[in-house]
């Protein structure tokens, strides 16, 4: 990408890396590291025309989540989000696709919280 003078890298973190929590400290810290790595890489390769952005999903309803998480727990998770639902894999894919596309050509170093309105400060 550096040789071509353009490109896009999309990293994947988690809402856990954006919000302090004692629930799974190591997971949160590791994901916070991905966020900071994204910001650092954006400054390193930006001058070469390469963009680096991050996607930080919140609660995502996957086949595994459906199989392992009781419906009552899924309902509670959905209620934490202003859009009152859990995200889907398509929500994440669409965000990653946008960040990788030329439509995001002026974006770098960002972390996009794909979290149904559950905003992280």
Protein backbone atom coordinates (compact mmCIF):
# COMPACT_ATOMS: atom_id res chain seq x y z
CA UNK A 1 0.00 0.00 0.00
CA UNK A 2 2.84 2.36 0.82
CA UNK A 3 4.48 1.61 -2.53
CA UNK A 4 1.18 2.22 -4.37
CA UNK A 5 0.60 5.43 -2.42
CA UNK A 6 -2.89 4.45 -1.33
CA UNK A 7 -4.82 1.89 0.61
CA UNK A 8 -7.04 1.27 3.58
CA UNK A 9 -6.65 -0.87 6.66
CA UNK A 10 -9.64 -1.61 8.87
CA UNK A 11 -8.91 -3.02 12.31
CA UNK A 12 -11.47 -4.66 14.57
CA UNK A 13 -11.78 -3.83 18.26
CA UNK A 14 -14.80 -3.96 20.57
CA UNK A 15 -16.97 -1.71 22.68
CA UNK A 16 -15.15 -3.38 25.57
CA UNK A 17 -12.03 -1.50 24.51
CA UNK A 18 -13.90 1.82 24.60
CA UNK A 19 -15.61 1.58 28.00
CA UNK A 20 -14.02 0.66 31.36
CA UNK A 21 -15.41 -2.54 32.83
CA UNK A 22 -14.30 -5.06 35.41
CA UNK A 23 -16.27 -7.84 33.69
CA UNK A 24 -13.36 -8.90 31.50
CA UNK A 25 -10.46 -6.55 32.13
CA UNK A 26 -7.90 -8.30 29.91
CA UNK A 27 -10.29 -8.37 26.93
CA UNK A 28 -11.04 -4.67 27.33
CA UNK A 29 -7.40 -3.70 27.66
CA UNK A 30 -6.42 -5.76 24.60
CA UNK A 31 -9.14 -4.08 22.54
CA UNK A 32 -8.13 -0.63 23.80
CA UNK A 33 -4.69 -1.52 22.46
CA UNK A 34 -6.18 -2.14 19.02
CA UNK A 35 -7.78 1.32 19.13
CA UNK A 36 -4.46 2.97 20.00
CA UNK A 37 -2.58 0.86 17.44
CA UNK A 38 -5.04 2.09 14.81
CA UNK A 39 -4.43 5.73 15.75
CA UNK A 40 -0.67 5.24 15.77
CA UNK A 41 -0.59 3.45 12.41
CA UNK A 42 -2.78 6.18 10.89
CA UNK A 43 -0.11 8.76 11.74
CA UNK A 44 2.69 6.50 10.49
CA UNK A 45 1.29 5.55 7.09
CA UNK A 46 -1.01 8.50 6.42
CA UNK A 47 1.75 10.48 4.70
CA UNK A 48 1.99 7.59 2.21
CA UNK A 49 -1.71 7.75 1.36
CA UNK A 50 -2.74 4.80 3.50
CA UNK A 51 -5.71 5.17 5.83
CA UNK A 52 -6.19 3.15 9.01
CA UNK A 53 -9.53 3.02 10.83
CA UNK A 54 -11.13 0.80 13.44
CA UNK A 55 -14.56 -0.74 13.98
CA UNK A 56 -15.68 -1.27 17.59
CA UNK A 57 -18.86 -3.36 17.73
CA UNK A 58 -21.08 -3.62 20.76
CA UNK A 59 -23.49 -6.52 21.32
CA UNK A 60 -23.79 -8.45 18.04
CA UNK A 61 -26.41 -11.13 17.45
CA UNK A 62 -24.50 -13.93 15.77
CA UNK A 63 -25.46 -17.60 15.47
CA UNK A 64 -23.19 -18.34 18.43
CA UNK A 65 -24.75 -15.56 20.52
CA UNK A 66 -28.23 -16.88 19.76
CA UNK A 67 -27.22 -20.42 20.67
CA UNK A 68 -25.42 -19.55 23.92
CA UNK A 69 -27.25 -16.48 25.25
CA UNK A 70 -30.74 -16.96 26.68
CA UNK A 71 -33.45 -14.81 25.12
CA UNK A 72 -33.98 -12.86 28.35
CA UNK A 73 -30.29 -11.91 28.43
CA UNK A 74 -30.39 -10.90 24.76
CA UNK A 75 -33.42 -8.71 25.50
CA UNK A 76 -31.55 -7.00 28.36
CA UNK A 77 -28.54 -6.42 26.10
CA UNK A 78 -30.77 -4.94 23.39
CA UNK A 79 -32.43 -2.63 25.92
CA UNK A 80 -29.05 -1.04 26.73
CA UNK A 81 -28.92 0.41 23.21
CA UNK A 82 -31.06 3.39 22.09
CA UNK A 83 -32.03 1.50 18.92
CA UNK A 84 -33.37 -1.25 21.20
CA UNK A 85 -31.78 -4.14 19.39
CA UNK A 86 -28.52 -6.00 19.16
CA UNK A 87 -26.36 -5.43 16.12
CA UNK A 88 -25.97 -7.88 13.27
CA UNK A 89 -22.93 -9.08 11.37
CA UNK A 90 -24.22 -7.02 8.41
CA UNK A 91 -24.05 -3.87 10.56
CA UNK A 92 -20.37 -4.52 11.14
CA UNK A 93 -19.65 -5.52 7.54
CA UNK A 94 -21.33 -2.39 6.18
CA UNK A 95 -19.24 -0.17 8.44
CA UNK A 96 -16.01 -1.92 7.50
CA UNK A 97 -16.91 -1.70 3.81
CA UNK A 98 -17.57 2.03 4.13
CA UNK A 99 -14.26 2.64 5.93
CA UNK A 100 -12.37 0.67 3.29
CA UNK A 101 -14.07 2.50 0.42
CA UNK A 102 -13.22 5.75 -1.31
CA UNK A 103 -16.32 7.25 0.34
CA UNK A 104 -14.16 7.43 3.50
CA UNK A 105 -11.12 8.86 1.72
CA UNK A 106 -10.74 11.72 4.23
CA UNK A 107 -11.07 9.51 7.31
CA UNK A 108 -8.13 8.01 9.15
CA UNK A 109 -7.34 7.23 12.77
CA UNK A 110 -11.03 6.83 13.63
CA UNK A 111 -12.74 4.26 15.75
CA UNK A 112 -16.38 3.83 14.78
CA UNK A 113 -18.59 2.55 17.58
CA UNK A 114 -21.13 0.31 15.87
CA UNK A 115 -23.27 0.23 18.95
CA UNK A 116 -26.87 1.15 18.16
CA UNK A 117 -26.46 4.57 19.73
CA UNK A 118 -24.75 3.43 22.91
CA UNK A 119 -22.15 6.15 22.63
CA UNK A 120 -18.77 5.81 24.23
CA UNK A 121 -16.90 8.84 25.50
